[in-house]
Amino acid sequence: MHTLRIERAIGDYDIGKGAFDRDPACGRESGVRRCHVMRPSGSRHHVMIDLEFDTSSEAKAFLDPMQHDRRSREAAPALAGSVQASILETLERRNLRSGEAA
């Protein structure tokens, strides 16, 4: 499993969430298996998104056009500042409540 982690400042979470939900690139056809949207507790102006893929090449294929297309204010009106993105490889996952590997 590979995760594309995207972090960036946002101006308005609700506007950003609406745009994210409408973006067809974030659907199953792009290879995304699971999506987690998070923010630091107490912060309304920072968001982290983890998109899980089966392979690193799927994550990279998603990231490359995103870095070019999502920079404009028209394409993403709620975003502010620069994006930080990295592709992470899952080495191990455990369900601590059951003690089993997930």
Protein backbone atom coordinates (compact mmCIF):
# COMPACT_ATOMS: atom_id res chain seq x y z
CA MET A 1 0.00 0.00 0.00
CA HIS A 2 1.24 3.50 -0.85
CA THR A 3 -0.08 6.79 0.48
CA LEU A 4 0.09 10.17 -1.16
CA ARG A 5 0.12 12.67 1.73
CA ILE A 6 -0.82 16.23 0.79
CA GLU A 7 -0.45 19.07 3.30
CA ARG A 8 -1.29 22.69 2.80
CA ALA A 9 -2.79 25.82 4.26
CA ILE A 10 -6.41 26.57 3.42
CA GLY A 11 -8.52 29.69 3.70
CA ASP A 12 -11.93 28.06 4.06
CA TYR A 13 -12.40 24.37 4.82
CA ASP A 14 -16.02 24.17 3.65
CA ILE A 15 -15.23 25.63 0.21
CA GLY A 16 -12.17 23.39 -0.13
CA LYS A 17 -14.12 20.29 0.93
CA GLY A 18 -16.83 21.00 -1.64
CA ALA A 19 -14.26 21.35 -4.42
CA PHE A 20 -12.49 18.17 -3.29
CA ASP A 21 -15.77 16.21 -3.23
CA ARG A 22 -16.64 17.35 -6.78
CA ASP A 23 -13.21 16.51 -8.24
CA PRO A 24 -13.56 13.35 -10.37
CA ALA A 25 -9.79 12.75 -10.11
CA CYS A 26 -10.29 11.75 -6.48
CA GLY A 27 -12.51 8.79 -7.32
CA ARG A 28 -11.90 5.09 -7.76
CA GLU A 29 -11.07 5.50 -11.44
CA SER A 30 -7.87 7.29 -10.42
CA GLY A 31 -6.74 4.33 -8.30
CA VAL A 32 -7.55 5.90 -4.93
CA ARG A 33 -8.53 3.12 -2.51
CA ARG A 34 -9.13 5.14 0.64
CA CYS A 35 -9.07 8.81 1.53
CA HIS A 36 -8.45 10.44 4.92
CA VAL A 37 -8.96 14.19 5.37
CA MET A 38 -7.44 15.55 8.59
CA ARG A 39 -6.40 18.79 10.23
CA PRO A 40 -4.46 19.58 13.38
CA SER A 41 -6.76 19.83 16.36
CA GLY A 42 -7.87 23.42 16.82
CA SER A 43 -6.64 24.55 13.39
CA ARG A 44 -9.14 25.67 10.77
CA HIS A 45 -6.48 26.75 8.27
CA HIS A 46 -4.40 23.65 7.62
CA VAL A 47 -5.41 20.36 6.04
CA MET A 48 -3.74 16.99 5.46
CA ILE A 49 -5.11 14.50 2.98
CA ASP A 50 -3.92 10.90 2.75
CA LEU A 51 -4.87 9.10 -0.47
CA GLU A 52 -4.12 5.36 -0.47
CA PHE A 53 -3.10 3.53 -3.65
CA ASP A 54 -2.05 -0.04 -4.43
CA THR A 55 1.22 1.05 -6.05
CA SER A 56 3.66 3.94 -5.91
CA SER A 57 3.25 4.44 -9.68
CA GLU A 58 -0.50 5.08 -9.19
CA ALA A 59 0.30 7.63 -6.46
CA LYS A 60 2.90 9.33 -8.65
CA ALA A 61 0.53 9.40 -11.64
CA PHE A 62 -2.03 11.17 -9.42
CA LEU A 63 0.54 13.60 -7.98
CA ASP A 64 2.19 14.77 -11.22
CA PRO A 65 -0.82 16.52 -12.81
CA MET A 66 -2.06 17.69 -9.41
CA GLN A 67 1.12 19.71 -8.92
CA HIS A 68 0.44 21.60 -12.13
CA ASP A 69 -3.35 21.84 -12.31
CA ARG A 70 -4.27 22.73 -8.73
CA ARG A 71 -2.01 25.76 -8.30
CA SER A 72 -4.41 28.36 -9.68
CA ARG A 73 -6.91 30.12 -7.41
CA GLU A 74 -9.61 29.40 -10.00
CA ALA A 75 -9.04 25.63 -9.77
CA ALA A 76 -8.82 25.62 -5.96
CA PRO A 77 -10.23 28.82 -4.41
CA ALA A 78 -9.90 27.69 -0.78
CA LEU A 79 -6.21 26.81 -0.97
CA ALA A 80 -3.48 29.07 0.33
CA GLY A 81 0.29 28.78 0.39
CA SER A 82 2.33 26.04 -1.19
CA VAL A 83 1.50 22.36 -1.25
CA GLN A 84 3.72 19.78 0.37
CA ALA A 85 3.28 16.26 -0.95
CA SER A 86 5.08 12.99 -0.45
CA ILE A 87 4.51 9.37 -1.38
CA LEU A 88 4.79 7.01 1.57
CA GLU A 89 5.09 3.23 1.56
CA THR A 90 3.20 1.30 4.25
CA LEU A 91 5.58 -1.14 5.87
CA GLU A 92 3.27 -2.42 8.57
CA ARG A 93 -0.23 -1.81 9.83
CA ARG A 94 -1.62 -3.20 13.08
CA ASN A 95 -5.00 -3.20 14.72
CA LEU A 96 -3.95 -2.52 18.31
CA ARG A 97 -7.31 -3.42 19.77
CA SER A 98 -7.20 -6.97 18.45
CA GLY A 99 -3.40 -7.34 18.29
CA GLU A 100 -3.64 -8.54 14.70
CA ALA A 101 -2.00 -7.13 11.62
CA ALA A 102 -4.53 -5.10 9.64
